[in-house]
Amino acid sequence: MKSVIDEAFRPYGRVLALDTKEFCTALKGIDIPAEGTVYEPSVASFEALPLFKELTEKTYGEMPTELGHCSGHNEALNALEYHRSSEIDIAATDLVLMVGRQQDIDPKTLTYDTGNVECFFVPAGTAVELYATTLHFAPCGIDGKEFRCGVALPRGTNEALKNPIAKEGEDRLLFAVNKWLIAHKESGLDTDGAFIGLKGENLTL
């Protein structure tokens, strides 16, 4: 298992020098599902913390920003997504990120070989920036335990699309605001209209 502090993580992102202690305490204090995962793009109590002010004013250069979380229980890849912006992930518990490169998506078929995915350990308390070209999805817990991960993005990301578009070319992957998604056939996301394009094994820890 590689770590986000290793040189191998550099193509995907970087560790940020942020004080996450107060945020991690807040995230560990909320209720999460006993099974499956939950994603909340914007949580008012998180956005009242000093960390959010720093994320907005410095990390995102005064762009409108949202701070929420993805938490629960997960051991599988299931899908990969990317944005037109960096994503900041803040590990309140030890967790693993499965990541890949947008450059490895087949430009003709829009498929992606899961054999290219790499797994990185993120220690609790660590904040990482995932670059815009980094494919990612829900984190995984360690040894079947729960994970809790703060998620910061430009405000509005992951909201429902307001305008219908023709599903042609890369637009076939556009799943929500600022969210392009490629799912695995075993994920069940096809029922939500996700593009099934992950080829190979649906990786699990």
N, C-alpha and C. Protein backbone atom coordinates (compact mmCIF):
# COMPACT_ATOMS: atom_id res chain seq x y z
N MET A 1 0.84 -1.19 0.00
CA MET A 1 0.00 0.00 0.00
C MET A 1 0.88 1.24 0.00
N LYS A 2 0.68 2.10 -0.99
CA LYS A 2 1.41 3.36 -1.05
C LYS A 2 0.71 4.40 -0.16
N SER A 3 1.41 5.48 0.11
CA SER A 3 0.88 6.55 0.95
C SER A 3 0.89 7.85 0.17
N VAL A 4 0.01 8.78 0.56
CA VAL A 4 -0.03 10.09 -0.11
C VAL A 4 1.23 10.90 0.16
N ILE A 5 2.04 10.48 1.11
CA ILE A 5 3.30 11.19 1.35
C ILE A 5 4.42 10.66 0.47
N ASP A 6 4.16 9.58 -0.30
CA ASP A 6 5.16 9.00 -1.18
C ASP A 6 5.28 9.79 -2.48
N GLU A 7 6.43 9.67 -3.12
CA GLU A 7 6.67 10.33 -4.40
C GLU A 7 5.66 9.88 -5.45
N ALA A 8 5.18 8.64 -5.34
CA ALA A 8 4.25 8.09 -6.33
C ALA A 8 2.93 8.84 -6.39
N PHE A 9 2.62 9.63 -5.35
CA PHE A 9 1.35 10.35 -5.33
C PHE A 9 1.40 11.66 -6.11
N ARG A 10 2.59 12.13 -6.45
CA ARG A 10 2.75 13.45 -7.06
C ARG A 10 1.94 13.65 -8.34
N PRO A 11 1.77 12.65 -9.23
CA PRO A 11 0.95 12.89 -10.43
C PRO A 11 -0.53 13.13 -10.11
N TYR A 12 -0.96 12.69 -8.93
CA TYR A 12 -2.38 12.75 -8.58
C TYR A 12 -2.75 13.94 -7.70
N GLY A 13 -1.81 14.40 -6.89
CA GLY A 13 -2.14 15.48 -5.97
C GLY A 13 -1.01 15.77 -5.02
N ARG A 14 -1.37 16.42 -3.91
CA ARG A 14 -0.35 16.81 -2.93
C ARG A 14 -0.99 16.92 -1.55
N VAL A 15 -0.16 16.75 -0.53
CA VAL A 15 -0.61 16.95 0.85
C VAL A 15 -0.57 18.44 1.16
N LEU A 16 -1.63 18.94 1.81
CA LEU A 16 -1.74 20.36 2.15
C LEU A 16 -1.45 20.59 3.63
N ALA A 17 -0.78 21.68 3.93
CA ALA A 17 -0.45 22.02 5.31
C ALA A 17 -1.62 22.79 5.93
N LEU A 18 -2.67 22.09 6.28
CA LEU A 18 -3.85 22.69 6.87
C LEU A 18 -4.06 22.16 8.29
N ASP A 19 -4.57 23.00 9.18
CA ASP A 19 -4.91 22.57 10.53
C ASP A 19 -6.32 21.96 10.48
N THR A 20 -6.39 20.66 10.56
CA THR A 20 -7.66 19.95 10.38
C THR A 20 -8.26 19.43 11.67
N LYS A 21 -7.61 19.66 12.79
CA LYS A 21 -8.02 19.01 14.05
C LYS A 21 -9.46 19.31 14.41
N GLU A 22 -9.84 20.59 14.42
CA GLU A 22 -11.19 20.98 14.81
C GLU A 22 -12.22 20.40 13.84
N PHE A 23 -11.90 20.44 12.54
CA PHE A 23 -12.83 19.89 11.55
C PHE A 23 -13.00 18.38 11.74
N CYS A 24 -11.90 17.66 11.94
CA CYS A 24 -11.98 16.21 12.10
C CYS A 24 -12.83 15.85 13.32
N THR A 25 -12.69 16.60 14.40
CA THR A 25 -13.51 16.36 15.59
C THR A 25 -14.98 16.56 15.26
N ALA A 26 -15.29 17.61 14.50
CA ALA A 26 -16.67 17.87 14.12
C ALA A 26 -17.23 16.77 13.23
N LEU A 27 -16.43 16.31 12.28
CA LEU A 27 -16.90 15.26 11.36
C LEU A 27 -17.11 13.95 12.09
N LYS A 28 -16.26 13.64 13.05
CA LYS A 28 -16.42 12.39 13.80
C LYS A 28 -17.60 12.45 14.77
N GLY A 29 -18.17 13.65 14.97
CA GLY A 29 -19.28 13.79 15.89
C GLY A 29 -20.65 13.69 15.26
N ILE A 30 -20.72 13.53 13.93
CA ILE A 30 -22.03 13.45 13.28
C ILE A 30 -22.41 12.00 13.02
N ASP A 31 -23.70 11.76 12.86
CA ASP A 31 -24.19 10.41 12.58
C ASP A 31 -23.98 10.07 11.11
N ILE A 32 -23.57 8.82 10.86
CA ILE A 32 -23.42 8.32 9.49
C ILE A 32 -24.09 6.96 9.41
N PRO A 33 -24.39 6.47 8.19
CA PRO A 33 -25.08 5.19 8.06
C PRO A 33 -24.25 4.01 8.59
N ALA A 34 -24.94 3.00 9.09
CA ALA A 34 -24.26 1.78 9.54
C ALA A 34 -23.79 0.96 8.35
N GLU A 35 -24.43 1.16 7.20
CA GLU A 35 -24.05 0.47 5.97
C GLU A 35 -24.06 1.47 4.82
N GLY A 36 -23.23 1.22 3.81
CA GLY A 36 -23.19 2.09 2.66
C GLY A 36 -22.52 3.42 2.98
N THR A 37 -22.68 4.37 2.07
CA THR A 37 -22.02 5.67 2.23
C THR A 37 -23.02 6.81 2.08
N VAL A 38 -22.64 7.96 2.59
CA VAL A 38 -23.44 9.17 2.45
C VAL A 38 -22.53 10.29 1.96
N TYR A 39 -23.06 11.14 1.08
CA TYR A 39 -22.31 12.31 0.63
C TYR A 39 -23.18 13.54 0.81
N GLU A 40 -22.66 14.52 1.53
CA GLU A 40 -23.32 15.82 1.69
C GLU A 40 -22.35 16.88 1.17
N PRO A 41 -22.69 17.59 0.09
CA PRO A 41 -21.75 18.53 -0.50
C PRO A 41 -21.49 19.76 0.36
N SER A 42 -22.46 20.17 1.17
CA SER A 42 -22.31 21.40 1.94
C SER A 42 -22.97 21.21 3.30
N VAL A 43 -22.17 21.39 4.37
CA VAL A 43 -22.68 21.26 5.74
C VAL A 43 -22.42 22.57 6.46
N ALA A 44 -23.48 23.23 6.90
CA ALA A 44 -23.37 24.57 7.47
C ALA A 44 -22.42 24.63 8.66
N SER A 45 -22.47 23.63 9.54
CA SER A 45 -21.61 23.65 10.73
C SER A 45 -20.14 23.53 10.36
N PHE A 46 -19.83 22.80 9.29
CA PHE A 46 -18.44 22.72 8.82
C PHE A 46 -18.00 24.06 8.23
N GLU A 47 -18.91 24.71 7.53
CA GLU A 47 -18.58 25.96 6.85
C GLU A 47 -18.51 27.15 7.81
N ALA A 48 -18.82 26.90 9.10
CA ALA A 48 -18.65 27.93 10.12
C ALA A 48 -17.28 27.84 10.80
N LEU A 49 -16.50 26.84 10.44
CA LEU A 49 -15.19 26.63 11.06
C LEU A 49 -14.11 27.46 10.38
N PRO A 50 -13.03 27.78 11.10
CA PRO A 50 -11.92 28.53 10.50
C PRO A 50 -11.32 27.84 9.28
N LEU A 51 -11.35 26.51 9.25
CA LEU A 51 -10.80 25.79 8.11
C LEU A 51 -11.49 26.19 6.81
N PHE A 52 -12.80 26.37 6.87
CA PHE A 52 -13.53 26.72 5.65
C PHE A 52 -13.10 28.09 5.13
N LYS A 53 -12.87 29.02 6.02
CA LYS A 53 -12.40 30.36 5.63
C LYS A 53 -11.06 30.25 4.90
N GLU A 54 -10.17 29.41 5.41
CA GLU A 54 -8.86 29.23 4.77
C GLU A 54 -9.01 28.55 3.41
N LEU A 55 -9.86 27.53 3.35
CA LEU A 55 -10.08 26.84 2.08
C LEU A 55 -10.62 27.80 1.02
N THR A 56 -11.56 28.65 1.42
CA THR A 56 -12.18 29.58 0.48
C THR A 56 -11.21 30.68 0.05
N GLU A 57 -10.56 31.32 1.03
CA GLU A 57 -9.76 32.50 0.72
C GLU A 57 -8.38 32.16 0.14
N LYS A 58 -7.80 31.05 0.59
CA LYS A 58 -6.44 30.72 0.15
C LYS A 58 -6.41 29.54 -0.82
N THR A 59 -6.90 28.38 -0.38
CA THR A 59 -6.78 27.18 -1.20
C THR A 59 -7.49 27.34 -2.54
N TYR A 60 -8.68 27.93 -2.52
CA TYR A 60 -9.44 28.13 -3.76
C TYR A 60 -9.38 29.57 -4.27
N GLY A 61 -8.52 30.39 -3.68
CA GLY A 61 -8.30 31.74 -4.20
C GLY A 61 -9.56 32.59 -4.28
N GLU A 62 -10.40 32.50 -3.24
CA GLU A 62 -11.64 33.27 -3.11
C GLU A 62 -12.74 32.85 -4.08
N MET A 63 -12.63 31.67 -4.65
CA MET A 63 -13.77 31.12 -5.39
C MET A 63 -14.86 30.72 -4.42
N PRO A 64 -16.13 30.79 -4.81
CA PRO A 64 -17.20 30.24 -3.97
C PRO A 64 -16.95 28.74 -3.75
N THR A 65 -16.97 28.34 -2.50
CA THR A 65 -16.54 26.99 -2.14
C THR A 65 -17.59 26.32 -1.25
N GLU A 66 -17.62 25.01 -1.27
CA GLU A 66 -18.48 24.25 -0.38
C GLU A 66 -17.64 23.23 0.39
N LEU A 67 -18.05 22.93 1.61
CA LEU A 67 -17.36 21.94 2.43
C LEU A 67 -18.38 20.99 3.02
N GLY A 68 -18.27 19.74 2.64
CA GLY A 68 -19.16 18.70 3.15
C GLY A 68 -18.36 17.47 3.50
N HIS A 69 -18.96 16.31 3.26
CA HIS A 69 -18.23 15.09 3.59
C HIS A 69 -18.77 13.89 2.82
N CYS A 70 -17.95 12.87 2.70
CA CYS A 70 -18.34 11.55 2.23
C CYS A 70 -17.91 10.57 3.31
N SER A 71 -18.84 9.82 3.86
CA SER A 71 -18.54 8.96 5.00
C SER A 71 -19.35 7.67 4.92
N GLY A 72 -18.90 6.66 5.64
CA GLY A 72 -19.64 5.40 5.70
C GLY A 72 -18.73 4.20 5.65
N HIS A 73 -19.20 3.18 4.93
CA HIS A 73 -18.47 1.93 4.81
C HIS A 73 -18.35 1.57 3.33
N ASN A 74 -17.13 1.35 2.88
CA ASN A 74 -16.92 1.04 1.47
C ASN A 74 -15.61 0.29 1.30
N GLU A 75 -15.62 -0.71 0.42
CA GLU A 75 -14.41 -1.47 0.14
C GLU A 75 -14.16 -1.59 -1.36
N ALA A 76 -15.05 -1.04 -2.19
CA ALA A 76 -14.98 -1.27 -3.64
C ALA A 76 -14.77 0.02 -4.41
N LEU A 77 -14.23 -0.13 -5.63
CA LEU A 77 -14.02 1.01 -6.52
C LEU A 77 -15.35 1.56 -7.03
N ASN A 78 -16.14 0.73 -7.69
CA ASN A 78 -17.47 1.02 -8.22
C ASN A 78 -17.52 2.04 -9.35
N ALA A 79 -16.80 3.14 -9.25
CA ALA A 79 -16.85 4.18 -10.27
C ALA A 79 -15.64 5.09 -10.11
N LEU A 80 -15.44 5.93 -11.11
CA LEU A 80 -14.43 6.98 -11.05
C LEU A 80 -15.02 8.26 -11.62
N GLU A 81 -14.69 9.38 -11.02
CA GLU A 81 -15.19 10.66 -11.48
C GLU A 81 -14.04 11.65 -11.58
N TYR A 82 -14.32 12.76 -12.28
CA TYR A 82 -13.37 13.86 -12.29
C TYR A 82 -14.15 15.17 -12.39
N HIS A 83 -13.47 16.26 -12.07
CA HIS A 83 -14.06 17.59 -12.09
C HIS A 83 -13.20 18.51 -12.95
N ARG A 84 -13.66 19.71 -13.21
CA ARG A 84 -12.85 20.72 -13.88
C ARG A 84 -12.12 21.57 -12.84
N SER A 85 -11.88 20.99 -11.70
CA SER A 85 -11.26 21.70 -10.58
C SER A 85 -10.64 20.67 -9.65
N SER A 86 -9.73 21.14 -8.81
CA SER A 86 -9.20 20.28 -7.76
C SER A 86 -10.28 20.00 -6.72
N GLU A 87 -10.11 18.86 -6.04
CA GLU A 87 -10.95 18.51 -4.89
C GLU A 87 -10.04 18.38 -3.67
N ILE A 88 -10.48 18.91 -2.53
CA ILE A 88 -9.72 18.77 -1.30
C ILE A 88 -10.40 17.71 -0.44
N ASP A 89 -9.66 16.67 -0.09
CA ASP A 89 -10.15 15.61 0.78
C ASP A 89 -9.44 15.70 2.13
N ILE A 90 -10.21 15.60 3.20
CA ILE A 90 -9.66 15.72 4.55
C ILE A 90 -10.05 14.46 5.32
N ALA A 91 -9.07 13.63 5.63
CA ALA A 91 -9.31 12.35 6.29
C ALA A 91 -9.50 12.55 7.79
N ALA A 92 -10.71 12.33 8.29
CA ALA A 92 -10.95 12.36 9.73
C ALA A 92 -10.64 11.01 10.36
N THR A 93 -10.62 9.96 9.54
CA THR A 93 -10.17 8.63 9.95
C THR A 93 -9.14 8.16 8.93
N ASP A 94 -8.37 7.16 9.27
CA ASP A 94 -7.52 6.53 8.26
C ASP A 94 -8.41 6.04 7.13
N LEU A 95 -7.97 6.22 5.89
CA LEU A 95 -8.74 5.75 4.75
C LEU A 95 -7.83 5.51 3.55
N VAL A 96 -8.40 4.95 2.51
CA VAL A 96 -7.66 4.67 1.28
C VAL A 96 -8.38 5.33 0.11
N LEU A 97 -7.62 6.01 -0.74
CA LEU A 97 -8.14 6.57 -1.98
C LEU A 97 -7.69 5.71 -3.15
N MET A 98 -8.64 5.31 -4.00
CA MET A 98 -8.33 4.65 -5.27
C MET A 98 -8.36 5.70 -6.35
N VAL A 99 -7.26 5.90 -7.04
CA VAL A 99 -7.17 6.99 -8.01
C VAL A 99 -6.59 6.52 -9.33
N GLY A 100 -6.86 7.31 -10.36
CA GLY A 100 -6.31 7.06 -11.69
C GLY A 100 -6.09 8.39 -12.39
N ARG A 101 -5.74 8.33 -13.67
CA ARG A 101 -5.46 9.55 -14.44
C ARG A 101 -6.48 9.70 -15.56
N GLN A 102 -7.01 10.90 -15.71
CA GLN A 102 -7.95 11.17 -16.78
C GLN A 102 -7.32 10.89 -18.15
N GLN A 103 -6.01 11.08 -18.25
CA GLN A 103 -5.30 10.87 -19.51
C GLN A 103 -5.38 9.41 -19.99
N ASP A 104 -5.70 8.48 -19.08
CA ASP A 104 -5.76 7.07 -19.44
C ASP A 104 -7.15 6.62 -19.88
N ILE A 105 -8.12 7.55 -19.91
CA ILE A 105 -9.43 7.22 -20.48
C ILE A 105 -9.29 7.11 -21.99
N ASP A 106 -9.80 6.04 -22.58
CA ASP A 106 -9.74 5.87 -24.03
C ASP A 106 -10.56 6.98 -24.69
N PRO A 107 -9.96 7.83 -25.51
CA PRO A 107 -10.68 8.98 -26.06
C PRO A 107 -11.79 8.59 -27.05
N LYS A 108 -11.71 7.39 -27.62
CA LYS A 108 -12.73 6.96 -28.58
C LYS A 108 -13.92 6.31 -27.90
N THR A 109 -13.64 5.43 -26.96
CA THR A 109 -14.73 4.68 -26.32
C THR A 109 -15.12 5.23 -24.95
N LEU A 110 -14.30 6.13 -24.41
CA LEU A 110 -14.49 6.69 -23.07
C LEU A 110 -14.47 5.62 -21.98
N THR A 111 -13.80 4.51 -22.27
CA THR A 111 -13.65 3.45 -21.27
C THR A 111 -12.32 3.61 -20.54
N TYR A 112 -12.22 2.97 -19.38
CA TYR A 112 -11.02 3.07 -18.56
C TYR A 112 -10.73 1.70 -17.97
N ASP A 113 -9.48 1.27 -18.07
CA ASP A 113 -9.05 -0.03 -17.54
C ASP A 113 -8.73 0.11 -16.06
N THR A 114 -9.45 -0.62 -15.21
CA THR A 114 -9.24 -0.50 -13.77
C THR A 114 -7.86 -1.02 -13.34
N GLY A 115 -7.16 -1.70 -14.23
CA GLY A 115 -5.80 -2.13 -13.92
C GLY A 115 -4.84 -0.96 -13.75
N ASN A 116 -5.26 0.23 -14.18
CA ASN A 116 -4.43 1.42 -14.04
C ASN A 116 -4.61 2.12 -12.69
N VAL A 117 -5.58 1.68 -11.91
CA VAL A 117 -5.87 2.33 -10.63
C VAL A 117 -4.76 2.07 -9.62
N GLU A 118 -4.44 3.09 -8.83
CA GLU A 118 -3.49 2.95 -7.73
C GLU A 118 -4.19 3.31 -6.42
N CYS A 119 -3.77 2.65 -5.35
CA CYS A 119 -4.36 2.86 -4.03
C CYS A 119 -3.37 3.58 -3.12
N PHE A 120 -3.86 4.60 -2.41
CA PHE A 120 -3.00 5.37 -1.52
C PHE A 120 -3.64 5.50 -0.14
N PHE A 121 -2.84 5.23 0.87
CA PHE A 121 -3.26 5.37 2.26
C PHE A 121 -3.21 6.84 2.66
N VAL A 122 -4.29 7.30 3.33
CA VAL A 122 -4.35 8.68 3.83
C VAL A 122 -4.52 8.62 5.34
N PRO A 123 -3.51 9.02 6.11
CA PRO A 123 -3.63 8.97 7.58
C PRO A 123 -4.66 9.98 8.09
N ALA A 124 -5.32 9.63 9.18
CA ALA A 124 -6.28 10.54 9.79
C ALA A 124 -5.63 11.89 10.09
N GLY A 125 -6.36 12.97 9.80
CA GLY A 125 -5.87 14.31 10.01
C GLY A 125 -5.20 14.93 8.80
N THR A 126 -5.01 14.14 7.74
CA THR A 126 -4.31 14.61 6.55
C THR A 126 -5.28 15.24 5.55
N ALA A 127 -4.89 16.37 4.99
CA ALA A 127 -5.65 17.01 3.91
C ALA A 127 -4.87 16.88 2.62
N VAL A 128 -5.53 16.44 1.56
CA VAL A 128 -4.86 16.29 0.27
C VAL A 128 -5.64 17.01 -0.82
N GLU A 129 -4.92 17.57 -1.75
CA GLU A 129 -5.52 18.11 -2.96
C GLU A 129 -5.45 17.06 -4.05
N LEU A 130 -6.59 16.72 -4.65
CA LEU A 130 -6.64 15.86 -5.83
C LEU A 130 -6.77 16.77 -7.04
N TYR A 131 -5.81 16.68 -7.95
CA TYR A 131 -5.83 17.55 -9.12
C TYR A 131 -7.03 17.26 -10.00
N ALA A 132 -7.40 18.20 -10.86
CA ALA A 132 -8.58 18.08 -11.71
C ALA A 132 -8.52 16.85 -12.61
N THR A 133 -7.34 16.42 -12.99
CA THR A 133 -7.20 15.27 -13.88
C THR A 133 -7.13 13.95 -13.13
N THR A 134 -7.30 13.98 -11.82
CA THR A 134 -7.23 12.75 -11.02
C THR A 134 -8.61 12.11 -10.91
N LEU A 135 -8.71 10.88 -11.38
CA LEU A 135 -9.95 10.11 -11.25
C LEU A 135 -10.04 9.60 -9.81
N HIS A 136 -11.24 9.64 -9.24
CA HIS A 136 -11.43 9.23 -7.85
C HIS A 136 -12.91 8.95 -7.63
N PHE A 137 -13.23 8.40 -6.49
CA PHE A 137 -14.63 8.21 -6.10
C PHE A 137 -14.67 8.10 -4.59
N ALA A 138 -15.62 7.38 -4.03
CA ALA A 138 -15.73 7.29 -2.57
C ALA A 138 -14.50 6.61 -1.98
N PRO A 139 -13.97 7.14 -0.88
CA PRO A 139 -12.84 6.48 -0.22
C PRO A 139 -13.23 5.10 0.31
N CYS A 140 -12.24 4.35 0.75
CA CYS A 140 -12.45 3.04 1.36
C CYS A 140 -11.97 3.08 2.80
N GLY A 141 -12.66 2.36 3.66
CA GLY A 141 -12.22 2.23 5.03
C GLY A 141 -11.11 1.19 5.14
N ILE A 142 -10.50 1.13 6.31
CA ILE A 142 -9.41 0.19 6.57
C ILE A 142 -9.96 -1.02 7.31
N ASP A 143 -9.69 -2.21 6.78
CA ASP A 143 -10.10 -3.46 7.43
C ASP A 143 -11.59 -3.49 7.76
N GLY A 144 -12.40 -2.96 6.83
CA GLY A 144 -13.85 -2.99 7.01
C GLY A 144 -14.40 -1.94 7.95
N LYS A 145 -13.54 -1.09 8.50
CA LYS A 145 -14.01 -0.06 9.42
C LYS A 145 -14.60 1.12 8.65
N GLU A 146 -15.31 1.99 9.36
CA GLU A 146 -15.90 3.16 8.73
C GLU A 146 -14.82 4.14 8.30
N PHE A 147 -15.15 4.96 7.32
CA PHE A 147 -14.29 6.08 6.95
C PHE A 147 -15.10 7.36 7.05
N ARG A 148 -14.39 8.45 7.33
CA ARG A 148 -15.01 9.78 7.35
C ARG A 148 -14.06 10.73 6.65
N CYS A 149 -14.55 11.36 5.59
CA CYS A 149 -13.69 12.19 4.75
C CYS A 149 -14.38 13.51 4.41
N GLY A 150 -13.78 14.62 4.82
CA GLY A 150 -14.27 15.92 4.41
C GLY A 150 -13.99 16.15 2.93
N VAL A 151 -14.88 16.85 2.25
CA VAL A 151 -14.74 17.10 0.82
C VAL A 151 -15.04 18.58 0.53
N ALA A 152 -14.04 19.28 -0.01
CA ALA A 152 -14.23 20.67 -0.42
C ALA A 152 -14.12 20.77 -1.94
N LEU A 153 -15.03 21.53 -2.53
CA LEU A 153 -15.09 21.70 -3.98
C LEU A 153 -15.67 23.09 -4.29
N PRO A 154 -15.52 23.56 -5.52
CA PRO A 154 -16.23 24.79 -5.90
C PRO A 154 -17.74 24.63 -5.66
N ARG A 155 -18.36 25.67 -5.13
CA ARG A 155 -19.77 25.58 -4.74
C ARG A 155 -20.65 25.23 -5.94
N GLY A 156 -21.57 24.33 -5.70
CA GLY A 156 -22.48 23.86 -6.74
C GLY A 156 -22.08 22.54 -7.34
N THR A 157 -20.83 22.12 -7.14
CA THR A 157 -20.38 20.84 -7.67
C THR A 157 -21.24 19.70 -7.12
N ASN A 158 -21.59 18.77 -7.98
CA ASN A 158 -22.38 17.58 -7.67
C ASN A 158 -23.87 17.85 -7.54
N GLU A 159 -24.31 19.09 -7.75
CA GLU A 159 -25.74 19.35 -7.79
C GLU A 159 -26.33 18.84 -9.11
N ALA A 160 -27.64 18.69 -9.16
CA ALA A 160 -28.30 18.20 -10.36
C ALA A 160 -28.13 19.19 -11.51
N LEU A 161 -27.95 18.65 -12.71
CA LEU A 161 -27.84 19.50 -13.90
C LEU A 161 -29.17 20.19 -14.18
N LYS A 162 -29.10 21.43 -14.60
CA LYS A 162 -30.32 22.20 -14.88
C LYS A 162 -30.76 22.10 -16.34
N ASN A 163 -29.81 21.82 -17.23
CA ASN A 163 -30.12 21.83 -18.65
C ASN A 163 -29.82 20.47 -19.28
N PRO A 164 -30.79 19.88 -19.98
CA PRO A 164 -30.52 18.61 -20.67
C PRO A 164 -29.55 18.82 -21.82
N ILE A 165 -28.65 17.87 -22.00
CA ILE A 165 -27.69 17.95 -23.10
C ILE A 165 -27.70 16.65 -23.88
N ALA A 166 -27.33 16.71 -25.13
CA ALA A 166 -27.23 15.51 -25.95
C ALA A 166 -26.07 14.66 -25.44
N LYS A 167 -26.31 13.38 -25.26
CA LYS A 167 -25.29 12.49 -24.73
C LYS A 167 -24.37 12.04 -25.86
N GLU A 168 -23.47 12.93 -26.23
CA GLU A 168 -22.52 12.65 -27.29
C GLU A 168 -21.11 12.97 -26.79
N GLY A 169 -20.13 12.19 -27.23
CA GLY A 169 -18.76 12.44 -26.84
C GLY A 169 -18.60 12.43 -25.32
N GLU A 170 -17.76 13.32 -24.80
CA GLU A 170 -17.52 13.35 -23.36
C GLU A 170 -18.79 13.69 -22.58
N ASP A 171 -19.76 14.31 -23.26
CA ASP A 171 -21.01 14.66 -22.57
C ASP A 171 -21.73 13.43 -22.05
N ARG A 172 -21.39 12.25 -22.58
CA ARG A 172 -21.99 11.01 -22.06
C ARG A 172 -21.60 10.77 -20.61
N LEU A 173 -20.49 11.36 -20.18
CA LEU A 173 -20.00 11.16 -18.82
C LEU A 173 -20.54 12.20 -17.84
N LEU A 174 -21.11 13.29 -18.37
CA LEU A 174 -21.55 14.39 -17.50
C LEU A 174 -22.76 13.92 -16.69
N PHE A 175 -22.55 13.81 -15.38
CA PHE A 175 -23.54 13.18 -14.49
C PHE A 175 -24.20 14.19 -13.56
N ALA A 176 -23.49 15.25 -13.22
CA ALA A 176 -24.00 16.30 -12.34
C ALA A 176 -23.15 17.55 -12.59
N VAL A 177 -23.46 18.63 -11.88
CA VAL A 177 -22.68 19.85 -12.07
C VAL A 177 -21.21 19.60 -11.76
N ASN A 178 -20.34 19.92 -12.71
CA ASN A 178 -18.89 19.75 -12.53
C ASN A 178 -18.51 18.33 -12.15
N LYS A 179 -19.21 17.34 -12.68
CA LYS A 179 -18.97 15.94 -12.32
C LYS A 179 -19.13 15.05 -13.56
N TRP A 180 -18.02 14.47 -13.99
CA TRP A 180 -18.01 13.51 -15.08
C TRP A 180 -17.72 12.14 -14.48
N LEU A 181 -18.55 11.14 -14.80
CA LEU A 181 -18.54 9.87 -14.08
C LEU A 181 -18.47 8.67 -15.03
N ILE A 182 -17.60 7.73 -14.68
CA ILE A 182 -17.52 6.44 -15.39
C ILE A 182 -17.73 5.35 -14.35
N ALA A 183 -18.75 4.52 -14.54
CA ALA A 183 -19.10 3.51 -13.54
C ALA A 183 -18.75 2.11 -14.01
N HIS A 184 -18.66 1.20 -13.05
CA HIS A 184 -18.46 -0.22 -13.34
C HIS A 184 -19.82 -0.90 -13.40
N LYS A 185 -19.92 -1.92 -14.22
CA LYS A 185 -21.21 -2.60 -14.40
C LYS A 185 -21.72 -3.22 -13.11
N GLU A 186 -20.83 -3.51 -12.15
CA GLU A 186 -21.24 -4.12 -10.88
C GLU A 186 -21.66 -3.08 -9.85
N SER A 187 -21.57 -1.81 -10.18
CA SER A 187 -21.84 -0.75 -9.21
C SER A 187 -23.33 -0.51 -8.99
N GLY A 188 -24.16 -0.84 -9.99
CA GLY A 188 -25.58 -0.54 -9.91
C GLY A 188 -25.91 0.89 -10.29
N LEU A 189 -24.91 1.67 -10.66
CA LEU A 189 -25.13 3.08 -10.97
C LEU A 189 -25.78 3.30 -12.33
N ASP A 190 -25.87 2.25 -13.13
CA ASP A 190 -26.53 2.39 -14.43
C ASP A 190 -28.00 2.76 -14.26
N THR A 191 -28.60 2.35 -13.13
CA THR A 191 -30.01 2.68 -12.90
C THR A 191 -30.19 4.17 -12.66
N ASP A 192 -29.10 4.86 -12.31
CA ASP A 192 -29.14 6.31 -12.13
C ASP A 192 -28.71 7.07 -13.38
N GLY A 193 -28.47 6.31 -14.46
CA GLY A 193 -28.08 6.94 -15.71
C GLY A 193 -26.60 7.11 -15.91
N ALA A 194 -25.78 6.48 -15.06
CA ALA A 194 -24.33 6.61 -15.19
C ALA A 194 -23.82 5.85 -16.41
N PHE A 195 -22.78 6.37 -17.02
CA PHE A 195 -22.12 5.72 -18.15
C PHE A 195 -21.29 4.55 -17.64
N ILE A 196 -21.54 3.35 -18.17
CA ILE A 196 -20.79 2.16 -17.76
C ILE A 196 -19.57 2.02 -18.66
N GLY A 197 -18.40 2.36 -18.09
CA GLY A 197 -17.21 2.36 -18.93
C GLY A 197 -15.94 1.86 -18.23
N LEU A 198 -16.05 1.42 -16.98
CA LEU A 198 -14.87 0.84 -16.32
C LEU A 198 -14.74 -0.60 -16.76
N LYS A 199 -13.60 -0.92 -17.35
CA LYS A 199 -13.33 -2.26 -17.85
C LYS A 199 -12.35 -2.96 -16.91
N GLY A 200 -12.61 -4.25 -16.67
CA GLY A 200 -11.75 -5.01 -15.77
C GLY A 200 -12.44 -5.23 -14.44
N GLU A 201 -11.65 -5.59 -13.44
CA GLU A 201 -12.18 -5.93 -12.13
C GLU A 201 -12.69 -4.71 -11.39
N ASN A 202 -13.81 -4.88 -10.69
CA ASN A 202 -14.28 -3.85 -9.77
C ASN A 202 -13.46 -4.00 -8.50
N LEU A 203 -12.37 -3.26 -8.41
CA LEU A 203 -11.37 -3.49 -7.37
C LEU A 203 -11.94 -3.35 -5.97
N THR A 204 -11.47 -4.21 -5.06
CA THR A 204 -11.84 -4.12 -3.64
C THR A 204 -10.59 -4.25 -2.81
N LEU A 205 -10.64 -3.66 -1.62
CA LEU A 205 -9.51 -3.79 -0.70
C LEU A 205 -9.54 -5.17 -0.06
